[in-house]
PDB file of N, CA and C in Angstrom:
ATOM      1  N   UNK A   1     -17.882  21.010  -5.326  1.00  0.00           N
ATOM      2  CA  UNK A   1     -18.686  19.803  -5.234  1.00  0.00           C
ATOM      3  C   UNK A   1     -17.838  18.622  -5.720  1.00  0.00           C
ATOM      4  N   UNK A   2     -17.954  17.521  -5.018  1.00  0.00           N
ATOM      5  CA  UNK A   2     -17.166  16.334  -5.329  1.00  0.00           C
ATOM      6  C   UNK A   2     -18.001  15.349  -6.149  1.00  0.00           C
ATOM      7  N   UNK A   3     -17.364  14.754  -7.140  1.00  0.00           N
ATOM      8  CA  UNK A   3     -18.014  13.711  -7.927  1.00  0.00           C
ATOM      9  C   UNK A   3     -17.842  12.380  -7.206  1.00  0.00           C
ATOM     10  N   UNK A   4     -18.945  11.690  -6.991  1.00  0.00           N
ATOM     11  CA  UNK A   4     -18.904  10.384  -6.338  1.00  0.00           C
ATOM     12  C   UNK A   4     -19.406   9.341  -7.336  1.00  0.00           C
ATOM     13  N   UNK A   5     -18.533   8.421  -7.683  1.00  0.00           N
ATOM     14  CA  UNK A   5     -18.887   7.355  -8.614  1.00  0.00           C
ATOM     15  C   UNK A   5     -19.329   6.127  -7.826  1.00  0.00           C
ATOM     16  N   UNK A   6     -20.407   5.509  -8.260  1.00  0.00           N
ATOM     17  CA  UNK A   6     -20.813   4.235  -7.676  1.00  0.00           C
ATOM     18  C   UNK A   6     -19.942   3.135  -8.280  1.00  0.00           C
ATOM     19  N   UNK A   7     -19.831   1.996  -7.618  1.00  0.00           N
ATOM     20  CA  UNK A   7     -19.081   0.887  -8.209  1.00  0.00           C
ATOM     21  C   UNK A   7     -19.632   0.501  -9.590  1.00  0.00           C
ATOM     22  N   UNK A   8     -20.959   0.486  -9.733  1.00  0.00           N
ATOM     23  CA  UNK A   8     -21.559   0.153 -11.026  1.00  0.00           C
ATOM     24  C   UNK A   8     -21.218   1.214 -12.070  1.00  0.00           C
ATOM     25  N   UNK A   9     -21.226   2.475 -11.663  1.00  0.00           N
ATOM     26  CA  UNK A   9     -20.880   3.555 -12.581  1.00  0.00           C
ATOM     27  C   UNK A   9     -19.447   3.450 -13.067  1.00  0.00           C
ATOM     28  N   UNK A  10     -18.536   3.143 -12.155  1.00  0.00           N
ATOM     29  CA  UNK A  10     -17.130   2.983 -12.534  1.00  0.00           C
ATOM     30  C   UNK A  10     -16.933   1.790 -13.462  1.00  0.00           C
ATOM     31  N   UNK A  11     -17.631   0.701 -13.172  1.00  0.00           N
ATOM     32  CA  UNK A  11     -17.524  -0.489 -14.027  1.00  0.00           C
ATOM     33  C   UNK A  11     -18.051  -0.183 -15.423  1.00  0.00           C
ATOM     34  N   UNK A  12     -19.172   0.519 -15.495  1.00  0.00           N
ATOM     35  CA  UNK A  12     -19.756   0.885 -16.780  1.00  0.00           C
ATOM     36  C   UNK A  12     -18.825   1.815 -17.557  1.00  0.00           C
ATOM     37  N   UNK A  13     -18.224   2.774 -16.862  1.00  0.00           N
ATOM     38  CA  UNK A  13     -17.283   3.689 -17.508  1.00  0.00           C
ATOM     39  C   UNK A  13     -16.082   2.928 -18.050  1.00  0.00           C
ATOM     40  N   UNK A  14     -15.567   2.002 -17.269  1.00  0.00           N
ATOM     41  CA  UNK A  14     -14.426   1.197 -17.711  1.00  0.00           C
ATOM     42  C   UNK A  14     -14.794   0.363 -18.939  1.00  0.00           C
ATOM     43  N   UNK A  15     -15.963  -0.260 -18.925  1.00  0.00           N
ATOM     44  CA  UNK A  15     -16.403  -1.065 -20.068  1.00  0.00           C
ATOM     45  C   UNK A  15     -16.583  -0.199 -21.308  1.00  0.00           C
ATOM     46  N   UNK A  16     -17.165   0.970 -21.126  1.00  0.00           N
ATOM     47  CA  UNK A  16     -17.381   1.872 -22.254  1.00  0.00           C
ATOM     48  C   UNK A  16     -16.049   2.336 -22.826  1.00  0.00           C
ATOM     49  N   UNK A  17     -15.135   2.710 -21.955  1.00  0.00           N
ATOM     50  CA  UNK A  17     -13.817   3.165 -22.402  1.00  0.00           C
ATOM     51  C   UNK A  17     -13.070   2.044 -23.118  1.00  0.00           C
ATOM     52  N   UNK A  18     -13.117   0.839 -22.585  1.00  0.00           N
ATOM     53  CA  UNK A  18     -12.474  -0.305 -23.243  1.00  0.00           C
ATOM     54  C   UNK A  18     -13.081  -0.566 -24.612  1.00  0.00           C
ATOM     55  N   UNK A  19     -14.397  -0.476 -24.718  1.00  0.00           N
ATOM     56  CA  UNK A  19     -15.073  -0.679 -25.999  1.00  0.00           C
ATOM     57  C   UNK A  19     -14.607   0.353 -27.019  1.00  0.00           C
ATOM     58  N   UNK A  20     -14.550   1.612 -26.596  1.00  0.00           N
ATOM     59  CA  UNK A  20     -14.116   2.672 -27.513  1.00  0.00           C
ATOM     60  C   UNK A  20     -12.684   2.418 -27.970  1.00  0.00           C
ATOM     61  N   UNK A  21     -11.812   2.027 -27.048  1.00  0.00           N
ATOM     62  CA  UNK A  21     -10.422   1.731 -27.408  1.00  0.00           C
ATOM     63  C   UNK A  21     -10.332   0.574 -28.397  1.00  0.00           C
ATOM     64  N   UNK A  22     -11.157  -0.456 -28.213  1.00  0.00           N
ATOM     65  CA  UNK A  22     -11.137  -1.613 -29.112  1.00  0.00           C
ATOM     66  C   UNK A  22     -11.678  -1.262 -30.493  1.00  0.00           C
ATOM     67  N   UNK A  23     -12.742  -0.472 -30.534  1.00  0.00           N
ATOM     68  CA  UNK A  23     -13.376  -0.134 -31.808  1.00  0.00           C
ATOM     69  C   UNK A  23     -12.599   0.935 -32.575  1.00  0.00           C
ATOM     70  N   UNK A  24     -12.002   1.867 -31.860  1.00  0.00           N
ATOM     71  CA  UNK A  24     -11.260   2.955 -32.494  1.00  0.00           C
ATOM     72  C   UNK A  24      -9.829   2.935 -31.984  1.00  0.00           C
ATOM     73  N   UNK A  25      -9.515   3.779 -31.022  1.00  0.00           N
ATOM     74  CA  UNK A  25      -8.169   3.773 -30.444  1.00  0.00           C
ATOM     75  C   UNK A  25      -8.154   4.551 -29.133  1.00  0.00           C
ATOM     76  N   UNK A  26      -6.990   4.578 -28.493  1.00  0.00           N
ATOM     77  CA  UNK A  26      -6.868   5.224 -27.186  1.00  0.00           C
ATOM     78  C   UNK A  26      -7.126   6.728 -27.267  1.00  0.00           C
ATOM     79  N   UNK A  27      -6.727   7.348 -28.383  1.00  0.00           N
ATOM     80  CA  UNK A  27      -6.959   8.790 -28.534  1.00  0.00           C
ATOM     81  C   UNK A  27      -8.449   9.117 -28.507  1.00  0.00           C
ATOM     82  N   UNK A  28      -9.250   8.315 -29.188  1.00  0.00           N
ATOM     83  CA  UNK A  28     -10.697   8.531 -29.213  1.00  0.00           C
ATOM     84  C   UNK A  28     -11.276   8.320 -27.813  1.00  0.00           C
ATOM     85  N   UNK A  29     -10.789   7.312 -27.115  1.00  0.00           N
ATOM     86  CA  UNK A  29     -11.254   7.071 -25.744  1.00  0.00           C
ATOM     87  C   UNK A  29     -10.911   8.253 -24.840  1.00  0.00           C
ATOM     88  N   UNK A  30      -9.741   8.836 -25.032  1.00  0.00           N
ATOM     89  CA  UNK A  30      -9.351   9.998 -24.231  1.00  0.00           C
ATOM     90  C   UNK A  30     -10.225  11.209 -24.533  1.00  0.00           C
ATOM     91  N   UNK A  31     -10.607  11.381 -25.792  1.00  0.00           N
ATOM     92  CA  UNK A  31     -11.527  12.466 -26.147  1.00  0.00           C
ATOM     93  C   UNK A  31     -12.862  12.246 -25.442  1.00  0.00           C
ATOM     94  N   UNK A  32     -13.346  11.011 -25.456  1.00  0.00           N
ATOM     95  CA  UNK A  32     -14.587  10.684 -24.754  1.00  0.00           C
ATOM     96  C   UNK A  32     -14.487  11.042 -23.271  1.00  0.00           C
ATOM     97  N   UNK A  33     -13.398  10.641 -22.629  1.00  0.00           N
ATOM     98  CA  UNK A  33     -13.222  10.916 -21.200  1.00  0.00           C
ATOM     99  C   UNK A  33     -13.120  12.416 -20.922  1.00  0.00           C
ATOM    100  N   UNK A  34     -12.439  13.141 -21.807  1.00  0.00           N
ATOM    101  CA  UNK A  34     -12.348  14.600 -21.648  1.00  0.00           C
ATOM    102  C   UNK A  34     -13.723  15.242 -21.741  1.00  0.00           C
ATOM    103  N   UNK A  35     -14.519  14.806 -22.716  1.00  0.00           N
ATOM    104  CA  UNK A  35     -15.865  15.366 -22.873  1.00  0.00           C
ATOM    105  C   UNK A  35     -16.763  14.989 -21.696  1.00  0.00           C
ATOM    106  N   UNK A  36     -16.603  13.793 -21.196  1.00  0.00           N
ATOM    107  CA  UNK A  36     -17.362  13.383 -20.015  1.00  0.00           C
ATOM    108  C   UNK A  36     -17.001  14.273 -18.824  1.00  0.00           C
ATOM    109  N   UNK A  37     -15.709  14.520 -18.643  1.00  0.00           N
ATOM    110  CA  UNK A  37     -15.271  15.406 -17.557  1.00  0.00           C
ATOM    111  C   UNK A  37     -15.875  16.799 -17.709  1.00  0.00           C
ATOM    112  N   UNK A  38     -15.944  17.300 -18.947  1.00  0.00           N
ATOM    113  CA  UNK A  38     -16.546  18.615 -19.189  1.00  0.00           C
ATOM    114  C   UNK A  38     -18.016  18.624 -18.778  1.00  0.00           C
ATOM    115  N   UNK A  39     -18.738  17.568 -19.119  1.00  0.00           N
ATOM    116  CA  UNK A  39     -20.163  17.491 -18.764  1.00  0.00           C
ATOM    117  C   UNK A  39     -20.352  17.391 -17.253  1.00  0.00           C
ATOM    118  N   UNK A  40     -19.493  16.644 -16.604  1.00  0.00           N
ATOM    119  CA  UNK A  40     -19.567  16.532 -15.145  1.00  0.00           C
ATOM    120  C   UNK A  40     -19.331  17.898 -14.511  1.00  0.00           C
ATOM    121  N   UNK A  41     -18.359  18.641 -15.026  1.00  0.00           N
ATOM    122  CA  UNK A  41     -18.092  19.983 -14.497  1.00  0.00           C
ATOM    123  C   UNK A  41     -19.287  20.903 -14.725  1.00  0.00           C
ATOM    124  N   UNK A  42     -19.952  20.778 -15.883  1.00  0.00           N
ATOM    125  CA  UNK A  42     -21.152  21.579 -16.140  1.00  0.00           C
ATOM    126  C   UNK A  42     -22.237  21.267 -15.115  1.00  0.00           C
ATOM    127  N   UNK A  43     -22.407  19.998 -14.806  1.00  0.00           N
ATOM    128  CA  UNK A  43     -23.399  19.606 -13.799  1.00  0.00           C
ATOM    129  C   UNK A  43     -23.033  20.127 -12.413  1.00  0.00           C
ATOM    130  N   UNK A  44     -21.742  20.164 -12.116  1.00  0.00           N
ATOM    131  CA  UNK A  44     -21.320  20.710 -10.825  1.00  0.00           C
ATOM    132  C   UNK A  44     -21.658  22.193 -10.725  1.00  0.00           C
ATOM    133  N   UNK A  45     -21.463  22.920 -11.825  1.00  0.00           N
ATOM    134  CA  UNK A  45     -21.736  24.359 -11.827  1.00  0.00           C
ATOM    135  C   UNK A  45     -23.226  24.662 -11.907  1.00  0.00           C
ATOM    136  N   UNK A  46     -23.976  23.798 -12.570  1.00  0.00           N
ATOM    137  CA  UNK A  46     -25.414  23.988 -12.773  1.00  0.00           C
ATOM    138  C   UNK A  46     -26.147  22.693 -12.456  1.00  0.00           C
ATOM    139  N   UNK A  47     -26.201  22.298 -11.205  1.00  0.00           N
ATOM    140  CA  UNK A  47     -26.767  20.990 -10.857  1.00  0.00           C
ATOM    141  C   UNK A  47     -28.227  20.813 -11.253  1.00  0.00           C
ATOM    142  N   UNK A  48     -28.982  21.894 -11.400  1.00  0.00           N
ATOM    143  CA  UNK A  48     -30.393  21.761 -11.735  1.00  0.00           C
ATOM    144  C   UNK A  48     -30.610  21.302 -13.183  1.00  0.00           C
ATOM    145  N   UNK A  49     -29.601  21.423 -14.039  1.00  0.00           N
ATOM    146  CA  UNK A  49     -29.788  20.966 -15.419  1.00  0.00           C
ATOM    147  C   UNK A  49     -29.863  19.447 -15.492  1.00  0.00           C
ATOM    148  N   UNK A  50     -29.451  18.783 -14.421  1.00  0.00           N
ATOM    149  CA  UNK A  50     -29.486  17.329 -14.407  1.00  0.00           C
ATOM    150  C   UNK A  50     -30.628  16.747 -13.604  1.00  0.00           C
ATOM    151  N   UNK A  51     -31.522  17.603 -13.096  1.00  0.00           N
ATOM    152  CA  UNK A  51     -32.612  17.109 -12.264  1.00  0.00           C
ATOM    153  C   UNK A  51     -33.827  16.744 -13.103  1.00  0.00           C
ATOM    154  N   UNK A  52     -34.451  15.648 -12.762  1.00  0.00           N
ATOM    155  CA  UNK A  52     -35.687  15.224 -13.393  1.00  0.00           C
ATOM    156  C   UNK A  52     -36.833  15.926 -12.688  1.00  0.00           C
ATOM    157  N   UNK A  53     -37.754  16.470 -13.449  1.00  0.00           N
ATOM    158  CA  UNK A  53     -38.863  17.196 -12.835  1.00  0.00           C
ATOM    159  C   UNK A  53     -40.176  16.807 -13.490  1.00  0.00           C
ATOM    160  N   UNK A  54     -41.140  16.411 -12.670  1.00  0.00           N
ATOM    161  CA  UNK A  54     -42.471  16.120 -13.189  1.00  0.00           C
ATOM    162  C   UNK A  54     -43.119  17.388 -13.732  1.00  0.00           C
ATOM    163  N   UNK A  55     -42.768  18.536 -13.167  1.00  0.00           N
ATOM    164  CA  UNK A  55     -43.304  19.800 -13.641  1.00  0.00           C
ATOM    165  C   UNK A  55     -42.899  20.033 -15.094  1.00  0.00           C
ATOM    166  N   UNK A  56     -41.655  19.753 -15.435  1.00  0.00           N
ATOM    167  CA  UNK A  56     -41.192  19.927 -16.811  1.00  0.00           C
ATOM    168  C   UNK A  56     -41.960  19.026 -17.768  1.00  0.00           C
ATOM    169  N   UNK A  57     -42.256  17.807 -17.349  1.00  0.00           N
ATOM    170  CA  UNK A  57     -43.010  16.886 -18.199  1.00  0.00           C
ATOM    171  C   UNK A  57     -44.424  17.399 -18.407  1.00  0.00           C
ATOM    172  N   UNK A  58     -45.071  17.840 -17.341  1.00  0.00           N
ATOM    173  CA  UNK A  58     -46.452  18.301 -17.480  1.00  0.00           C
ATOM    174  C   UNK A  58     -46.521  19.558 -18.328  1.00  0.00           C
ATOM    175  N   UNK A  59     -45.533  20.420 -18.248  1.00  0.00           N
ATOM    176  CA  UNK A  59     -45.532  21.633 -19.062  1.00  0.00           C
ATOM    177  C   UNK A  59     -45.326  21.314 -20.538  1.00  0.00           C
ATOM    178  N   UNK A  60     -44.555  20.272 -20.827  1.00  0.00           N
ATOM    179  CA  UNK A  60     -44.276  19.954 -22.222  1.00  0.00           C
ATOM    180  C   UNK A  60     -45.485  19.358 -22.936  1.00  0.00           C
ATOM    181  N   UNK A  61     -46.466  18.874 -22.190  1.00  0.00           N
ATOM    182  CA  UNK A  61     -47.647  18.289 -22.811  1.00  0.00           C
ATOM    183  C   UNK A  61     -48.818  19.257 -22.879  1.00  0.00           C
ATOM    184  N   UNK A  62     -48.655  20.456 -22.357  1.00  0.00           N
ATOM    185  CA  UNK A  62     -49.740  21.454 -22.383  1.00  0.00           C
ATOM    186  C   UNK A  62     -49.753  22.225 -23.676  1.00  0.00           C
TER     187      UNK A  62
END
């Protein structure tokens, strides 16, 4: 499965990464990006963990 970034998503990622670099350093930003890549891979392997479901909401209130 291929990851497709929207222009807004890429801009947000760039802003977030720049903020992390400014507040901490490039190493911390790289850790963030590595962890993000890990989460994206998890979603690729298990896409249903990222789906919003009204059924899940109704079950949680019962």
